[in-house]
PDB file of all heavy atoms in Angstrom:
ATOM      1  N   TYR A   1     -21.171 -19.861 -37.468  1.00  0.00           N
ATOM      2  CA  TYR A   1     -21.447 -19.278 -36.169  1.00  0.00           C
ATOM      3  C   TYR A   1     -22.433 -18.127 -36.333  1.00  0.00           C
ATOM      4  O   TYR A   1     -22.589 -17.573 -37.435  1.00  0.00           O
ATOM      5  CB  TYR A   1     -20.168 -18.714 -35.543  1.00  0.00           C
ATOM      6  CG  TYR A   1     -19.172 -19.739 -35.067  1.00  0.00           C
ATOM      7  CD1 TYR A   1     -18.440 -20.516 -35.970  1.00  0.00           C
ATOM      8  CD2 TYR A   1     -18.925 -19.923 -33.709  1.00  0.00           C
ATOM      9  CE1 TYR A   1     -17.505 -21.446 -35.535  1.00  0.00           C
ATOM     10  CE2 TYR A   1     -17.987 -20.850 -33.266  1.00  0.00           C
ATOM     11  CZ  TYR A   1     -17.292 -21.599 -34.188  1.00  0.00           C
ATOM     12  OH  TYR A   1     -16.368 -22.514 -33.747  1.00  0.00           O
ATOM     13  N   GLU A   2     -23.070 -17.783 -35.230  1.00  0.00           N
ATOM     14  CA  GLU A   2     -23.870 -16.559 -35.189  1.00  0.00           C
ATOM     15  C   GLU A   2     -23.359 -15.692 -34.051  1.00  0.00           C
ATOM     16  O   GLU A   2     -22.871 -16.205 -33.031  1.00  0.00           O
ATOM     17  CB  GLU A   2     -25.353 -16.875 -34.983  1.00  0.00           C
ATOM     18  CG  GLU A   2     -26.015 -17.507 -36.199  1.00  0.00           C
ATOM     19  CD  GLU A   2     -27.513 -17.677 -36.033  1.00  0.00           C
ATOM     20  OE1 GLU A   2     -28.054 -17.211 -34.994  1.00  0.00           O
ATOM     21  OE2 GLU A   2     -28.144 -18.252 -36.931  1.00  0.00           O
ATOM     22  N   ALA A   3     -23.445 -14.383 -34.236  1.00  0.00           N
ATOM     23  CA  ALA A   3     -23.007 -13.451 -33.202  1.00  0.00           C
ATOM     24  C   ALA A   3     -23.920 -12.236 -33.204  1.00  0.00           C
ATOM     25  O   ALA A   3     -24.452 -11.842 -34.249  1.00  0.00           O
ATOM     26  CB  ALA A   3     -21.564 -13.014 -33.450  1.00  0.00           C
ATOM     27  N   ILE A   4     -24.102 -11.654 -32.026  1.00  0.00           N
ATOM     28  CA  ILE A   4     -24.850 -10.411 -31.891  1.00  0.00           C
ATOM     29  C   ILE A   4     -23.857  -9.286 -31.620  1.00  0.00           C
ATOM     30  O   ILE A   4     -23.018  -9.389 -30.715  1.00  0.00           O
ATOM     31  CB  ILE A   4     -25.874 -10.474 -30.744  1.00  0.00           C
ATOM     32  CG1 ILE A   4     -26.816 -11.664 -30.921  1.00  0.00           C
ATOM     33  CG2 ILE A   4     -26.654  -9.164 -30.641  1.00  0.00           C
ATOM     34  CD1 ILE A   4     -27.681 -11.613 -32.139  1.00  0.00           C
ATOM     35  N   ALA A   5     -23.937  -8.222 -32.407  1.00  0.00           N
ATOM     36  CA  ALA A   5     -23.050  -7.070 -32.237  1.00  0.00           C
ATOM     37  C   ALA A   5     -23.763  -5.828 -32.780  1.00  0.00           C
ATOM     38  O   ALA A   5     -24.849  -5.914 -33.369  1.00  0.00           O
ATOM     39  CB  ALA A   5     -21.730  -7.287 -32.966  1.00  0.00           C
ATOM     40  N   SER A   6     -23.147  -4.689 -32.576  1.00  0.00           N
ATOM     41  CA  SER A   6     -23.721  -3.436 -33.077  1.00  0.00           C
ATOM     42  C   SER A   6     -23.856  -3.488 -34.592  1.00  0.00           C
ATOM     43  O   SER A   6     -23.124  -4.208 -35.284  1.00  0.00           O
ATOM     44  CB  SER A   6     -22.826  -2.254 -32.686  1.00  0.00           C
ATOM     45  OG  SER A   6     -22.728  -2.135 -31.291  1.00  0.00           O
ATOM     46  N   TRP A   7     -24.788  -2.701 -35.092  1.00  0.00           N
ATOM     47  CA  TRP A   7     -24.992  -2.624 -36.537  1.00  0.00           C
ATOM     48  C   TRP A   7     -24.250  -1.410 -37.091  1.00  0.00           C
ATOM     49  O   TRP A   7     -24.321  -0.317 -36.529  1.00  0.00           O
ATOM     50  CB  TRP A   7     -26.466  -2.518 -36.869  1.00  0.00           C
ATOM     51  CG  TRP A   7     -26.756  -2.174 -38.303  1.00  0.00           C
ATOM     52  CD1 TRP A   7     -27.430  -1.090 -38.778  1.00  0.00           C
ATOM     53  CD2 TRP A   7     -26.377  -2.946 -39.453  1.00  0.00           C
ATOM     54  NE1 TRP A   7     -27.499  -1.125 -40.146  1.00  0.00           N
ATOM     55  CE2 TRP A   7     -26.864  -2.259 -40.594  1.00  0.00           C
ATOM     56  CE3 TRP A   7     -25.683  -4.137 -39.627  1.00  0.00           C
ATOM     57  CZ2 TRP A   7     -26.671  -2.729 -41.895  1.00  0.00           C
ATOM     58  CZ3 TRP A   7     -25.481  -4.608 -40.923  1.00  0.00           C
ATOM     59  CH2 TRP A   7     -25.976  -3.914 -42.032  1.00  0.00           C
ATOM     60  N   ARG A   8     -23.514  -1.610 -38.155  1.00  0.00           N
ATOM     61  CA  ARG A   8     -22.828  -0.526 -38.853  1.00  0.00           C
ATOM     62  C   ARG A   8     -23.304  -0.503 -40.294  1.00  0.00           C
ATOM     63  O   ARG A   8     -22.982  -1.407 -41.078  1.00  0.00           O
ATOM     64  CB  ARG A   8     -21.309  -0.726 -38.820  1.00  0.00           C
ATOM     65  CG  ARG A   8     -20.632  -0.378 -37.508  1.00  0.00           C
ATOM     66  CD  ARG A   8     -19.124  -0.512 -37.625  1.00  0.00           C
ATOM     67  NE  ARG A   8     -18.616   0.303 -38.728  1.00  0.00           N
ATOM     68  CZ  ARG A   8     -17.339   0.291 -39.146  1.00  0.00           C
ATOM     69  NH1 ARG A   8     -16.468  -0.508 -38.539  1.00  0.00           N
ATOM     70  NH2 ARG A   8     -16.952   1.046 -40.142  1.00  0.00           N
ATOM     71  N   ASP A   9     -24.091   0.524 -40.656  1.00  0.00           N
ATOM     72  CA  ASP A   9     -24.616   0.570 -42.021  1.00  0.00           C
ATOM     73  C   ASP A   9     -23.588   1.062 -43.032  1.00  0.00           C
ATOM     74  O   ASP A   9     -23.859   1.091 -44.238  1.00  0.00           O
ATOM     75  CB  ASP A   9     -25.886   1.418 -42.091  1.00  0.00           C
ATOM     76  CG  ASP A   9     -25.694   2.828 -41.552  1.00  0.00           C
ATOM     77  OD1 ASP A   9     -24.530   3.231 -41.339  1.00  0.00           O
ATOM     78  OD2 ASP A   9     -26.708   3.514 -41.339  1.00  0.00           O
ATOM     79  N   ASP A  10     -22.385   1.456 -42.530  1.00  0.00           N
ATOM     80  CA  ASP A  10     -21.346   1.880 -43.455  1.00  0.00           C
ATOM     81  C   ASP A  10     -20.490   0.716 -43.947  1.00  0.00           C
ATOM     82  O   ASP A  10     -19.683   0.875 -44.863  1.00  0.00           O
ATOM     83  CB  ASP A  10     -20.440   2.921 -42.791  1.00  0.00           C
ATOM     84  CG  ASP A  10     -19.760   2.387 -41.538  1.00  0.00           C
ATOM     85  OD1 ASP A  10     -20.433   1.676 -40.761  1.00  0.00           O
ATOM     86  OD2 ASP A  10     -18.568   2.666 -41.342  1.00  0.00           O
ATOM     87  N   LEU A  11     -20.679  -0.462 -43.371  1.00  0.00           N
ATOM     88  CA  LEU A  11     -19.952  -1.643 -43.828  1.00  0.00           C
ATOM     89  C   LEU A  11     -20.707  -2.318 -44.961  1.00  0.00           C
ATOM     90  O   LEU A  11     -21.933  -2.465 -44.912  1.00  0.00           O
ATOM     91  CB  LEU A  11     -19.772  -2.648 -42.689  1.00  0.00           C
ATOM     92  CG  LEU A  11     -18.719  -2.354 -41.630  1.00  0.00           C
ATOM     93  CD1 LEU A  11     -18.726  -3.461 -40.581  1.00  0.00           C
ATOM     94  CD2 LEU A  11     -17.335  -2.231 -42.246  1.00  0.00           C
ATOM     95  N   VAL A  12     -19.984  -2.719 -45.978  1.00  0.00           N
ATOM     96  CA  VAL A  12     -20.589  -3.440 -47.091  1.00  0.00           C
ATOM     97  C   VAL A  12     -20.475  -4.934 -46.807  1.00  0.00           C
ATOM     98  O   VAL A  12     -19.373  -5.484 -46.714  1.00  0.00           O
ATOM     99  CB  VAL A  12     -19.894  -3.092 -48.423  1.00  0.00           C
ATOM    100  CG1 VAL A  12     -20.519  -3.900 -49.559  1.00  0.00           C
ATOM    101  CG2 VAL A  12     -19.984  -1.602 -48.705  1.00  0.00           C
ATOM    102  N   LEU A  13     -21.611  -5.577 -46.631  1.00  0.00           N
ATOM    103  CA  LEU A  13     -21.655  -7.002 -46.323  1.00  0.00           C
ATOM    104  C   LEU A  13     -22.323  -7.777 -47.448  1.00  0.00           C
ATOM    105  O   LEU A  13     -23.218  -7.250 -48.111  1.00  0.00           O
ATOM    106  CB  LEU A  13     -22.412  -7.226 -45.009  1.00  0.00           C
ATOM    107  CG  LEU A  13     -21.787  -6.595 -43.765  1.00  0.00           C
ATOM    108  CD1 LEU A  13     -22.710  -6.751 -42.567  1.00  0.00           C
ATOM    109  CD2 LEU A  13     -20.439  -7.221 -43.459  1.00  0.00           C
ATOM    110  N   PRO A  14     -21.924  -9.019 -47.698  1.00  0.00           N
ATOM    111  CA  PRO A  14     -20.917  -9.778 -46.944  1.00  0.00           C
ATOM    112  C   PRO A  14     -19.497  -9.301 -47.225  1.00  0.00           C
ATOM    113  O   PRO A  14     -19.239  -8.680 -48.258  1.00  0.00           O
ATOM    114  CB  PRO A  14     -21.126 -11.213 -47.435  1.00  0.00           C
ATOM    115  CG  PRO A  14     -21.655 -11.052 -48.819  1.00  0.00           C
ATOM    116  CD  PRO A  14     -22.526  -9.826 -48.780  1.00  0.00           C
ATOM    117  N   LEU A  15     -18.591  -9.598 -46.290  1.00  0.00           N
ATOM    118  CA  LEU A  15     -17.182  -9.273 -46.450  1.00  0.00           C
ATOM    119  C   LEU A  15     -16.335 -10.416 -45.908  1.00  0.00           C
ATOM    120  O   LEU A  15     -16.826 -11.264 -45.164  1.00  0.00           O
ATOM    121  CB  LEU A  15     -16.826  -7.955 -45.750  1.00  0.00           C
ATOM    122  CG  LEU A  15     -16.999  -7.827 -44.230  1.00  0.00           C
ATOM    123  CD1 LEU A  15     -15.845  -8.483 -43.454  1.00  0.00           C
ATOM    124  CD2 LEU A  15     -17.079  -6.363 -43.823  1.00  0.00           C
ATOM    125  N   THR A  16     -15.075 -10.406 -46.278  1.00  0.00           N
ATOM    126  CA  THR A  16     -14.127 -11.392 -45.777  1.00  0.00           C
ATOM    127  C   THR A  16     -13.005 -10.670 -45.056  1.00  0.00           C
ATOM    128  O   THR A  16     -12.333  -9.826 -45.646  1.00  0.00           O
ATOM    129  CB  THR A  16     -13.537 -12.246 -46.920  1.00  0.00           C
ATOM    130  OG1 THR A  16     -14.594 -12.934 -47.588  1.00  0.00           O
ATOM    131  CG2 THR A  16     -12.547 -13.268 -46.373  1.00  0.00           C
ATOM    132  N   ARG A  17     -12.835 -10.976 -43.786  1.00  0.00           N
ATOM    133  CA  ARG A  17     -11.759 -10.384 -42.988  1.00  0.00           C
ATOM    134  C   ARG A  17     -10.553 -11.322 -43.038  1.00  0.00           C
ATOM    135  O   ARG A  17     -10.657 -12.500 -42.656  1.00  0.00           O
ATOM    136  CB  ARG A  17     -12.205 -10.194 -41.533  1.00  0.00           C
ATOM    137  CG  ARG A  17     -11.150  -9.537 -40.635  1.00  0.00           C
ATOM    138  CD  ARG A  17     -10.995  -8.071 -40.938  1.00  0.00           C
ATOM    139  NE  ARG A  17     -10.009  -7.435 -40.061  1.00  0.00           N
ATOM    140  CZ  ARG A  17      -9.800  -6.120 -40.035  1.00  0.00           C
ATOM    141  NH1 ARG A  17     -10.510  -5.317 -40.841  1.00  0.00           N
ATOM    142  NH2 ARG A  17      -8.890  -5.595 -39.241  1.00  0.00           N
ATOM    143  N   GLN A  18      -9.428 -10.787 -43.522  1.00  0.00           N
ATOM    144  CA  GLN A  18      -8.198 -11.556 -43.608  1.00  0.00           C
ATOM    145  C   GLN A  18      -7.095 -10.809 -42.868  1.00  0.00           C
ATOM    146  O   GLN A  18      -6.873  -9.630 -43.126  1.00  0.00           O
ATOM    147  CB  GLN A  18      -7.775 -11.763 -45.056  1.00  0.00           C
ATOM    148  CG  GLN A  18      -8.822 -12.464 -45.913  1.00  0.00           C
ATOM    149  CD  GLN A  18      -8.301 -12.763 -47.313  1.00  0.00           C
ATOM    150  OE1 GLN A  18      -7.347 -13.518 -47.477  1.00  0.00           O
ATOM    151  NE2 GLN A  18      -8.913 -12.155 -48.307  1.00  0.00           N
ATOM    152  N   SER A  19      -6.415 -11.475 -41.949  1.00  0.00           N
ATOM    153  CA  SER A  19      -5.363 -10.817 -41.192  1.00  0.00           C
ATOM    154  C   SER A  19      -4.432 -11.860 -40.585  1.00  0.00           C
ATOM    155  O   SER A  19      -4.645 -13.068 -40.726  1.00  0.00           O
ATOM    156  CB  SER A  19      -5.968  -9.947 -40.083  1.00  0.00           C
ATOM    157  OG  SER A  19      -6.595 -10.760 -39.099  1.00  0.00           O
ATOM    158  N   ARG A  20      -3.439 -11.357 -39.887  1.00  0.00           N
ATOM    159  CA  ARG A  20      -2.532 -12.235 -39.147  1.00  0.00           C
ATOM    160  C   ARG A  20      -2.822 -12.058 -37.661  1.00  0.00           C
ATOM    161  O   ARG A  20      -2.743 -10.949 -37.125  1.00  0.00           O
ATOM    162  CB  ARG A  20      -1.074 -11.904 -39.439  1.00  0.00           C
ATOM    163  CG  ARG A  20      -0.097 -12.835 -38.721  1.00  0.00           C
ATOM    164  CD  ARG A  20       1.322 -12.683 -39.227  1.00  0.00           C
ATOM    165  NE  ARG A  20       2.199 -13.676 -38.627  1.00  0.00           N
ATOM    166  CZ  ARG A  20       2.297 -14.943 -39.029  1.00  0.00           C
ATOM    167  NH1 ARG A  20       1.544 -15.358 -40.042  1.00  0.00           N
ATOM    168  NH2 ARG A  20       3.107 -15.791 -38.440  1.00  0.00           N
ATOM    169  N   ILE A  21      -3.176 -13.163 -36.974  1.00  0.00           N
ATOM    170  CA  ILE A  21      -3.497 -13.138 -35.543  1.00  0.00           C
ATOM    171  C   ILE A  21      -2.420 -13.897 -34.779  1.00  0.00           C
ATOM    172  O   ILE A  21      -2.089 -15.040 -35.119  1.00  0.00           O
ATOM    173  CB  ILE A  21      -4.885 -13.757 -35.280  1.00  0.00           C
ATOM    174  CG1 ILE A  21      -5.993 -12.898 -35.907  1.00  0.00           C
ATOM    175  CG2 ILE A  21      -5.134 -13.910 -33.789  1.00  0.00           C
ATOM    176  CD1 ILE A  21      -7.390 -13.455 -35.740  1.00  0.00           C
ATOM    177  N   VAL A  22      -1.883 -13.246 -33.749  1.00  0.00           N
ATOM    178  CA  VAL A  22      -0.872 -13.868 -32.891  1.00  0.00           C
ATOM    179  C   VAL A  22      -1.204 -13.547 -31.447  1.00  0.00           C
ATOM    180  O   VAL A  22      -2.064 -12.716 -31.149  1.00  0.00           O
ATOM    181  CB  VAL A  22       0.552 -13.358 -33.224  1.00  0.00           C
ATOM    182  CG1 VAL A  22       0.928 -13.708 -34.659  1.00  0.00           C
ATOM    183  CG2 VAL A  22       0.661 -11.862 -32.981  1.00  0.00           C
ATOM    184  N   GLU A  23      -0.497 -14.206 -30.531  1.00  0.00           N
ATOM    185  CA  GLU A  23      -0.706 -13.960 -29.107  1.00  0.00           C
ATOM    186  C   GLU A  23      -0.303 -12.539 -28.746  1.00  0.00           C
ATOM    187  O   GLU A  23       0.719 -12.025 -29.213  1.00  0.00           O
ATOM    188  CB  GLU A  23       0.113 -14.962 -28.301  1.00  0.00           C
ATOM    189  CG  GLU A  23      -0.164 -14.933 -26.809  1.00  0.00           C
ATOM    190  CD  GLU A  23       0.521 -16.055 -26.061  1.00  0.00           C
ATOM    191  OE1 GLU A  23       0.243 -17.231 -26.375  1.00  0.00           O
ATOM    192  OE2 GLU A  23       1.357 -15.753 -25.181  1.00  0.00           O
ATOM    193  N   ALA A  24      -1.113 -11.897 -27.904  1.00  0.00           N
ATOM    194  CA  ALA A  24      -0.864 -10.514 -27.509  1.00  0.00           C
ATOM    195  C   ALA A  24      -0.013 -10.458 -26.243  1.00  0.00           C
ATOM    196  O   ALA A  24       0.539 -11.473 -25.792  1.00  0.00           O
ATOM    197  CB  ALA A  24      -2.190  -9.791 -27.306  1.00  0.00           C
ATOM    198  N   HIS A  25       0.065  -9.278 -25.624  1.00  0.00           N
ATOM    199  CA  HIS A  25       0.900  -9.079 -24.435  1.00  0.00           C
ATOM    200  C   HIS A  25       0.385  -9.840 -23.222  1.00  0.00           C
ATOM    201  O   HIS A  25       1.133 -10.137 -22.299  1.00  0.00           O
ATOM    202  CB  HIS A  25       0.959  -7.586 -24.103  1.00  0.00           C
ATOM    203  CG  HIS A  25      -0.387  -6.989 -23.811  1.00  0.00           C
ATOM    204  ND1 HIS A  25      -1.289  -6.667 -24.812  1.00  0.00           N
ATOM    205  CD2 HIS A  25      -1.002  -6.691 -22.633  1.00  0.00           C
ATOM    206  CE1 HIS A  25      -2.395  -6.176 -24.266  1.00  0.00           C
ATOM    207  NE2 HIS A  25      -2.251  -6.189 -22.957  1.00  0.00           N
ATOM    208  N   HIS A  26      -0.920 -10.159 -23.217  1.00  0.00           N
ATOM    209  CA  HIS A  26      -1.524 -10.903 -22.121  1.00  0.00           C
ATOM    210  C   HIS A  26      -1.856 -12.306 -22.616  1.00  0.00           C
ATOM    211  O   HIS A  26      -2.356 -12.489 -23.727  1.00  0.00           O
ATOM    212  CB  HIS A  26      -2.802 -10.200 -21.650  1.00  0.00           C
ATOM    213  CG  HIS A  26      -3.365 -10.724 -20.361  1.00  0.00           C
ATOM    214  ND1 HIS A  26      -4.046 -11.915 -20.293  1.00  0.00           N
ATOM    215  CD2 HIS A  26      -3.328 -10.227 -19.094  1.00  0.00           C
ATOM    216  CE1 HIS A  26      -4.437 -12.136 -19.044  1.00  0.00           C
ATOM    217  NE2 HIS A  26      -4.006 -11.135 -18.295  1.00  0.00           N
ATOM    218  N   PHE A  27      -1.586 -13.336 -21.788  1.00  0.00           N
ATOM    219  CA  PHE A  27      -1.759 -14.726 -22.234  1.00  0.00           C
ATOM    220  C   PHE A  27      -3.196 -15.054 -22.618  1.00  0.00           C
ATOM    221  O   PHE A  27      -3.442 -16.009 -23.368  1.00  0.00           O
ATOM    222  CB  PHE A  27      -1.279 -15.696 -21.147  1.00  0.00           C
ATOM    223  CG  PHE A  27      -2.224 -15.844 -19.980  1.00  0.00           C
ATOM    224  CD1 PHE A  27      -3.133 -16.890 -19.939  1.00  0.00           C
ATOM    225  CD2 PHE A  27      -2.219 -14.925 -18.931  1.00  0.00           C
ATOM    226  CE1 PHE A  27      -4.003 -17.034 -18.878  1.00  0.00           C
ATOM    227  CE2 PHE A  27      -3.084 -15.068 -17.868  1.00  0.00           C
ATOM    228  CZ  PHE A  27      -3.983 -16.116 -17.836  1.00  0.00           C
ATOM    229  N   MET A  28      -4.146 -14.260 -22.151  1.00  0.00           N
ATOM    230  CA  MET A  28      -5.554 -14.511 -22.472  1.00  0.00           C
ATOM    231  C   MET A  28      -5.943 -13.958 -23.837  1.00  0.00           C
ATOM    232  O   MET A  28      -7.000 -14.295 -24.370  1.00  0.00           O
ATOM    233  CB  MET A  28      -6.450 -13.862 -21.405  1.00  0.00           C
ATOM    234  CG  MET A  28      -6.477 -14.586 -20.081  1.00  0.00           C
ATOM    235  SD  MET A  28      -7.399 -16.128 -20.174  1.00  0.00           S
ATOM    236  CE  MET A  28      -9.064 -15.500 -20.446  1.00  0.00           C
ATOM    237  N   LEU A  29      -5.114 -13.083 -24.405  1.00  0.00           N
ATOM    238  CA  LEU A  29      -5.525 -12.308 -25.569  1.00  0.00           C
ATOM    239  C   LEU A  29      -4.742 -12.633 -26.838  1.00  0.00           C
ATOM    240  O   LEU A  29      -3.583 -13.028 -26.782  1.00  0.00           O
ATOM    241  CB  LEU A  29      -5.386 -10.810 -25.268  1.00  0.00           C
ATOM    242  CG  LEU A  29      -6.172 -10.274 -24.074  1.00  0.00           C
ATOM    243  CD1 LEU A  29      -5.839  -8.805 -23.853  1.00  0.00           C
ATOM    244  CD2 LEU A  29      -7.668 -10.470 -24.285  1.00  0.00           C
ATOM    245  N   GLN A  30      -5.401 -12.414 -27.953  1.00  0.00           N
ATOM    246  CA  GLN A  30      -4.802 -12.455 -29.274  1.00  0.00           C
ATOM    247  C   GLN A  30      -4.980 -11.074 -29.911  1.00  0.00           C
ATOM    248  O   GLN A  30      -5.861 -10.308 -29.505  1.00  0.00           O
ATOM    249  CB  GLN A  30      -5.473 -13.509 -30.150  1.00  0.00           C
ATOM    250  CG  GLN A  30      -5.504 -14.914 -29.575  1.00  0.00           C
ATOM    251  CD  GLN A  30      -4.168 -15.593 -29.613  1.00  0.00           C
ATOM    252  OE1 GLN A  30      -3.478 -15.679 -28.606  1.00  0.00           O
ATOM    253  NE2 GLN A  30      -3.780 -16.075 -30.780  1.00  0.00           N
ATOM    254  N   HIS A  31      -4.190 -10.782 -30.935  1.00  0.00           N
ATOM    255  CA  HIS A  31      -4.412  -9.531 -31.653  1.00  0.00           C
ATOM    256  C   HIS A  31      -3.885  -9.641 -33.077  1.00  0.00           C
ATOM    257  O   HIS A  31      -3.137 -10.553 -33.417  1.00  0.00           O
ATOM    258  CB  HIS A  31      -3.787  -8.336 -30.911  1.00  0.00           C
ATOM    259  CG  HIS A  31      -2.284  -8.356 -30.861  1.00  0.00           C
ATOM    260  ND1 HIS A  31      -1.528  -7.242 -30.578  1.00  0.00           N
ATOM    261  CD2 HIS A  31      -1.382  -9.365 -31.055  1.00  0.00           C
ATOM    262  CE1 HIS A  31      -0.242  -7.555 -30.584  1.00  0.00           C
ATOM    263  NE2 HIS A  31      -0.130  -8.823 -30.865  1.00  0.00           N
ATOM    264  N   GLU A  32      -4.307  -8.680 -33.901  1.00  0.00           N
ATOM    265  CA  GLU A  32      -3.880  -8.647 -35.289  1.00  0.00           C
ATOM    266  C   GLU A  32      -2.554  -7.901 -35.401  1.00  0.00           C
ATOM    267  O   GLU A  32      -2.339  -6.890 -34.736  1.00  0.00           O
ATOM    268  CB  GLU A  32      -4.933  -7.949 -36.155  1.00  0.00           C
ATOM    269  CG  GLU A  32      -6.227  -8.728 -36.298  1.00  0.00           C
ATOM    270  CD  GLU A  32      -7.203  -8.059 -37.251  1.00  0.00           C
ATOM    271  OE1 GLU A  32      -7.237  -6.805 -37.289  1.00  0.00           O
ATOM    272  OE2 GLU A  32      -7.918  -8.778 -37.947  1.00  0.00           O
ATOM    273  N   VAL A  33      -1.682  -8.421 -36.275  1.00  0.00           N
ATOM    274  CA  VAL A  33      -0.406  -7.774 -36.560  1.00  0.00           C
ATOM    275  C   VAL A  33      -0.189  -7.828 -38.064  1.00  0.00           C
ATOM    276  O   VAL A  33      -0.898  -8.536 -38.790  1.00  0.00           O
ATOM    277  CB  VAL A  33       0.767  -8.471 -35.832  1.00  0.00           C
ATOM    278  CG1 VAL A  33       0.596  -8.389 -34.320  1.00  0.00           C
ATOM    279  CG2 VAL A  33       0.899  -9.924 -36.272  1.00  0.00           C
ATOM    280  N   SER A  34       0.799  -7.070 -38.528  1.00  0.00           N
ATOM    281  CA  SER A  34       1.133  -7.117 -39.946  1.00  0.00           C
ATOM    282  C   SER A  34       1.865  -8.421 -40.242  1.00  0.00           C
ATOM    283  O   SER A  34       2.491  -9.014 -39.361  1.00  0.00           O
ATOM    284  CB  SER A  34       1.993  -5.917 -40.337  1.00  0.00           C
ATOM    285  OG  SER A  34       3.187  -5.908 -39.564  1.00  0.00           O
ATOM    286  N   GLY A  35       1.786  -8.865 -41.480  1.00  0.00           N
ATOM    287  CA  GLY A  35       2.461 -10.100 -41.860  1.00  0.00           C
ATOM    288  C   GLY A  35       1.553 -11.006 -42.662  1.00  0.00           C
ATOM    289  O   GLY A  35       0.386 -10.657 -42.945  1.00  0.00           O
ATOM    290  N   PRO A  36       2.050 -12.167 -43.037  1.00  0.00           N
ATOM    291  CA  PRO A  36       1.268 -13.108 -43.848  1.00  0.00           C
ATOM    292  C   PRO A  36      -0.050 -13.485 -43.165  1.00  0.00           C
ATOM    293  O   PRO A  36      -0.093 -13.707 -41.960  1.00  0.00           O
ATOM    294  CB  PRO A  36       2.187 -14.326 -43.972  1.00  0.00           C
ATOM    295  CG  PRO A  36       3.566 -13.785 -43.745  1.00  0.00           C
ATOM    296  CD  PRO A  36       3.407 -12.679 -42.761  1.00  0.00           C
ATOM    297  N   VAL A  37      -1.103 -13.555 -43.943  1.00  0.00           N
ATOM    298  CA  VAL A  37      -2.435 -13.887 -43.420  1.00  0.00           C
ATOM    299  C   VAL A  37      -2.462 -15.309 -42.879  1.00  0.00           C
ATOM    300  O   VAL A  37      -1.987 -16.247 -43.525  1.00  0.00           O
ATOM    301  CB  VAL A  37      -3.497 -13.733 -44.532  1.00  0.00           C
ATOM    302  CG1 VAL A  37      -4.842 -14.321 -44.091  1.00  0.00           C
ATOM    303  CG2 VAL A  37      -3.656 -12.271 -44.918  1.00  0.00           C
ATOM    304  N   ASN A  38      -3.011 -15.465 -41.667  1.00  0.00           N
ATOM    305  CA  ASN A  38      -3.208 -16.806 -41.102  1.00  0.00           C
ATOM    306  C   ASN A  38      -4.610 -16.995 -40.539  1.00  0.00           C
ATOM    307  O   ASN A  38      -4.908 -18.029 -39.939  1.00  0.00           O
ATOM    308  CB  ASN A  38      -2.164 -17.118 -40.025  1.00  0.00           C
ATOM    309  CG  ASN A  38      -2.298 -16.226 -38.792  1.00  0.00           C
ATOM    310  OD1 ASN A  38      -3.159 -15.349 -38.722  1.00  0.00           O
ATOM    311  ND2 ASN A  38      -1.435 -16.443 -37.810  1.00  0.00           N
ATOM    312  N   ALA A  39      -5.473 -15.960 -40.718  1.00  0.00           N
ATOM    313  CA  ALA A  39      -6.842 -16.032 -40.185  1.00  0.00           C
ATOM    314  C   ALA A  39      -7.816 -15.404 -41.180  1.00  0.00           C
ATOM    315  O   ALA A  39      -7.639 -14.254 -41.583  1.00  0.00           O
ATOM    316  CB  ALA A  39      -6.919 -15.317 -38.840  1.00  0.00           C
ATOM    317  N   ILE A  40      -8.822 -16.170 -41.558  1.00  0.00           N
ATOM    318  CA  ILE A  40      -9.805 -15.710 -42.544  1.00  0.00           C
ATOM    319  C   ILE A  40     -11.203 -15.999 -42.029  1.00  0.00           C
ATOM    320  O   ILE A  40     -11.514 -17.125 -41.639  1.00  0.00           O
ATOM    321  CB  ILE A  40      -9.611 -16.409 -43.907  1.00  0.00           C
ATOM    322  CG1 ILE A  40      -8.181 -16.214 -44.428  1.00  0.00           C
ATOM    323  CG2 ILE A  40     -10.625 -15.912 -44.930  1.00  0.00           C
ATOM    324  CD1 ILE A  40      -7.867 -17.038 -45.665  1.00  0.00           C
ATOM    325  N   THR A  41     -12.067 -14.971 -42.017  1.00  0.00           N
ATOM    326  CA  THR A  41     -13.455 -15.117 -41.576  1.00  0.00           C
ATOM    327  C   THR A  41     -14.385 -14.440 -42.567  1.00  0.00           C
ATOM    328  O   THR A  41     -14.149 -13.286 -42.957  1.00  0.00           O
ATOM    329  CB  THR A  41     -13.675 -14.483 -40.193  1.00  0.00           C
ATOM    330  OG1 THR A  41     -12.769 -15.050 -39.248  1.00  0.00           O
ATOM    331  CG2 THR A  41     -15.105 -14.703 -39.716  1.00  0.00           C
ATOM    332  N   GLN A  42     -15.437 -15.134 -42.951  1.00  0.00           N
ATOM    333  CA  GLN A  42     -16.469 -14.545 -43.800  1.00  0.00           C
ATOM    334  C   GLN A  42     -17.591 -14.021 -42.905  1.00  0.00           C
ATOM    335  O   GLN A  42     -18.049 -14.728 -42.008  1.00  0.00           O
ATOM    336  CB  GLN A  42     -16.997 -15.582 -44.788  1.00  0.00           C
ATOM    337  CG  GLN A  42     -15.924 -16.078 -45.747  1.00  0.00           C
ATOM    338  CD  GLN A  42     -16.347 -17.294 -46.553  1.00  0.00           C
ATOM    339  OE1 GLN A  42     -17.303 -17.978 -46.206  1.00  0.00           O
ATOM    340  NE2 GLN A  42     -15.631 -17.572 -47.630  1.00  0.00           N
TER     341      GLN A  42
END
């Protein structure tokens, strides 16, 4: 995928984001919580 977002020169790229994503308080939303990793993005 490609995405346009703000630039942060303090981030070291490339990186891998690993977290646990579950449904949030609103049915339209997801959010990260503590627990076993189920979502990985490079």
